């Protein structure tokens, strides 16, 4: 792109998330001669992670987790859950086009801390989103 000579910055938009870009800048003088390039490489930030983590279809031994996609560039999701105050952390990998997962074989009347992270094709991860919910008691 050509930028006016009195500009000192330029926004590059419609870039891919978490992608390395090589950027070069060359001055063009009134006689159309060009300066040596000044260049650098910069990686765009990781895109938004999943959001709006919520629960439905709660029973004594299962929870359904639903969420909204952060970006279509996510290839997989990593879902983790652990009883509050517990150490029995479990994890599963879910296809990136999913927006729902049922957790079963849970303990009745137990608060679970649930975390969801998006994973890009290069294995970098988005920020996580987390929420907590209790299963119902047996009675």
Protein backbone atom coordinates (compact mmCIF):
# COMPACT_ATOMS: atom_id res chain seq x y z
CA UNK A 1 0.00 0.00 0.00
CA UNK A 2 1.07 3.60 -0.56
CA UNK A 3 0.89 5.87 2.49
CA UNK A 4 1.04 9.67 2.50
CA UNK A 5 4.57 10.89 3.35
CA UNK A 6 3.46 12.83 6.44
CA UNK A 7 1.89 9.75 8.08
CA UNK A 8 3.77 8.05 10.90
CA UNK A 9 1.53 5.03 11.44
CA UNK A 10 -0.80 2.72 9.56
CA UNK A 11 -3.29 0.13 10.75
CA UNK A 12 -3.19 -3.18 8.90
CA UNK A 13 -6.51 -4.92 9.26
CA UNK A 14 -8.13 -8.19 8.22
CA UNK A 15 -5.07 -10.08 9.44
CA UNK A 16 -5.14 -13.65 10.71
CA UNK A 17 -4.93 -14.27 14.42
CA UNK A 18 -1.66 -15.56 15.86
CA UNK A 19 0.18 -15.25 12.54
CA UNK A 20 3.72 -14.03 11.87
CA UNK A 21 3.82 -11.15 9.37
CA UNK A 22 6.87 -9.56 7.73
CA UNK A 23 6.35 -5.81 7.28
CA UNK A 24 8.58 -3.53 5.21
CA UNK A 25 8.58 0.25 4.82
CA UNK A 26 10.27 2.16 2.01
CA UNK A 27 10.35 5.93 1.58
CA UNK A 28 9.62 7.20 -1.93
CA UNK A 29 11.16 10.62 -2.65
CA UNK A 30 9.77 13.30 -5.03
CA UNK A 31 12.21 12.16 -7.73
CA UNK A 32 10.71 8.60 -7.33
CA UNK A 33 13.93 7.25 -5.84
CA UNK A 34 13.41 4.80 -2.98
CA UNK A 35 15.20 4.47 0.34
CA UNK A 36 16.47 1.22 1.75
CA UNK A 37 13.73 -0.86 3.32
CA UNK A 38 13.12 -0.86 7.04
CA UNK A 39 11.51 -4.15 8.01
CA UNK A 40 10.43 -6.16 10.98
CA UNK A 41 8.45 -9.28 11.76
CA UNK A 42 5.55 -9.24 14.15
CA UNK A 43 3.04 -11.85 15.28
CA UNK A 44 -0.59 -10.88 15.65
CA UNK A 45 -2.19 -11.64 18.98
CA UNK A 46 -4.21 -14.75 19.65
CA UNK A 47 -7.84 -14.19 18.76
CA UNK A 48 -10.73 -14.27 21.16
CA UNK A 49 -11.44 -17.43 23.06
CA UNK A 50 -14.77 -19.07 23.66
CA UNK A 51 -17.27 -17.07 25.73
CA UNK A 52 -20.61 -17.26 27.50
CA UNK A 53 -19.94 -20.59 29.24
CA UNK A 54 -23.27 -21.82 30.65
CA UNK A 55 -24.90 -24.96 32.02
CA UNK A 56 -28.10 -26.81 31.19
CA UNK A 57 -29.64 -30.27 31.65
CA UNK A 58 -28.25 -30.54 35.18
CA UNK A 59 -28.79 -33.83 37.01
CA UNK A 60 -27.30 -35.65 40.00
CA UNK A 61 -24.43 -37.03 37.91
CA UNK A 62 -24.19 -34.91 34.75
CA UNK A 63 -23.94 -31.34 33.46
CA UNK A 64 -24.31 -30.03 29.94
CA UNK A 65 -21.91 -27.20 29.09
CA UNK A 66 -22.70 -24.80 26.24
CA UNK A 67 -20.57 -21.92 24.91
CA UNK A 68 -20.19 -19.42 22.08
CA UNK A 69 -17.31 -19.61 19.58
CA UNK A 70 -14.67 -16.91 19.96
CA UNK A 71 -13.34 -17.24 16.42
CA UNK A 72 -13.79 -19.76 13.59
CA UNK A 73 -10.00 -20.20 13.45
CA UNK A 74 -10.12 -22.40 16.57
CA UNK A 75 -9.42 -26.02 15.60
CA UNK A 76 -10.11 -27.71 18.97
CA UNK A 77 -11.36 -26.95 22.46
CA UNK A 78 -9.81 -28.17 25.68
CA UNK A 79 -12.45 -28.72 28.39
CA UNK A 80 -11.34 -29.34 31.97
CA UNK A 81 -13.42 -29.95 35.08
CA UNK A 82 -12.63 -30.58 38.72
CA UNK A 83 -14.74 -30.80 41.88
CA UNK A 84 -14.37 -27.57 43.86
CA UNK A 85 -11.51 -27.99 46.31
CA UNK A 86 -10.64 -31.35 44.75
CA UNK A 87 -7.64 -32.62 42.85
CA UNK A 88 -9.36 -35.11 40.51
CA UNK A 89 -9.01 -32.87 37.42
CA UNK A 90 -10.31 -34.31 34.16
CA UNK A 91 -9.77 -33.07 30.63
CA UNK A 92 -11.12 -33.75 27.15
CA UNK A 93 -10.41 -32.39 23.68
CA UNK A 94 -13.42 -31.39 21.58
CA UNK A 95 -13.73 -30.59 17.87
CA UNK A 96 -13.57 -26.83 17.19
CA UNK A 97 -16.99 -26.71 15.54
CA UNK A 98 -18.76 -27.94 18.70
CA UNK A 99 -20.52 -25.60 21.12
CA UNK A 100 -21.81 -28.12 23.66
CA UNK A 101 -20.59 -31.07 25.70
CA UNK A 102 -22.19 -33.30 28.36
CA UNK A 103 -20.08 -34.27 31.35
CA UNK A 104 -21.32 -37.45 33.00
CA UNK A 105 -20.24 -39.82 35.76
CA UNK A 106 -20.10 -36.82 38.10
CA UNK A 107 -20.66 -36.93 41.85
CA UNK A 108 -24.09 -35.87 43.15
CA UNK A 109 -24.45 -32.58 45.05
CA UNK A 110 -20.95 -31.43 44.05
CA UNK A 111 -19.74 -28.06 42.78
CA UNK A 112 -17.62 -28.42 39.63
CA UNK A 113 -15.20 -25.81 38.28
CA UNK A 114 -15.20 -25.97 34.47
CA UNK A 115 -12.67 -24.30 32.15
CA UNK A 116 -12.73 -24.09 28.33
CA UNK A 117 -9.84 -23.00 26.09
CA UNK A 118 -9.67 -22.75 22.29
CA UNK A 119 -6.70 -24.34 20.50
CA UNK A 120 -5.44 -23.06 17.15
CA UNK A 121 -3.95 -25.33 14.44
CA UNK A 122 -0.42 -24.33 15.57
CA UNK A 123 -1.34 -25.52 19.11
CA UNK A 124 -1.37 -22.05 20.69
CA UNK A 125 -4.28 -21.52 23.06
CA UNK A 126 -6.78 -18.72 23.57
CA UNK A 127 -7.56 -17.22 26.93
CA UNK A 128 -9.72 -19.53 28.98
CA UNK A 129 -13.29 -19.01 30.10
CA UNK A 130 -14.48 -20.66 33.29
CA UNK A 131 -17.63 -21.13 35.34
CA UNK A 132 -18.89 -23.30 38.18
CA UNK A 133 -22.07 -25.32 38.69
CA UNK A 134 -23.34 -27.95 41.13
CA UNK A 135 -24.87 -31.28 40.30
CA UNK A 136 -28.17 -32.07 42.03
CA UNK A 137 -28.35 -34.18 45.16
CA UNK A 138 -29.50 -37.82 45.00
CA UNK A 139 -32.76 -37.16 46.78
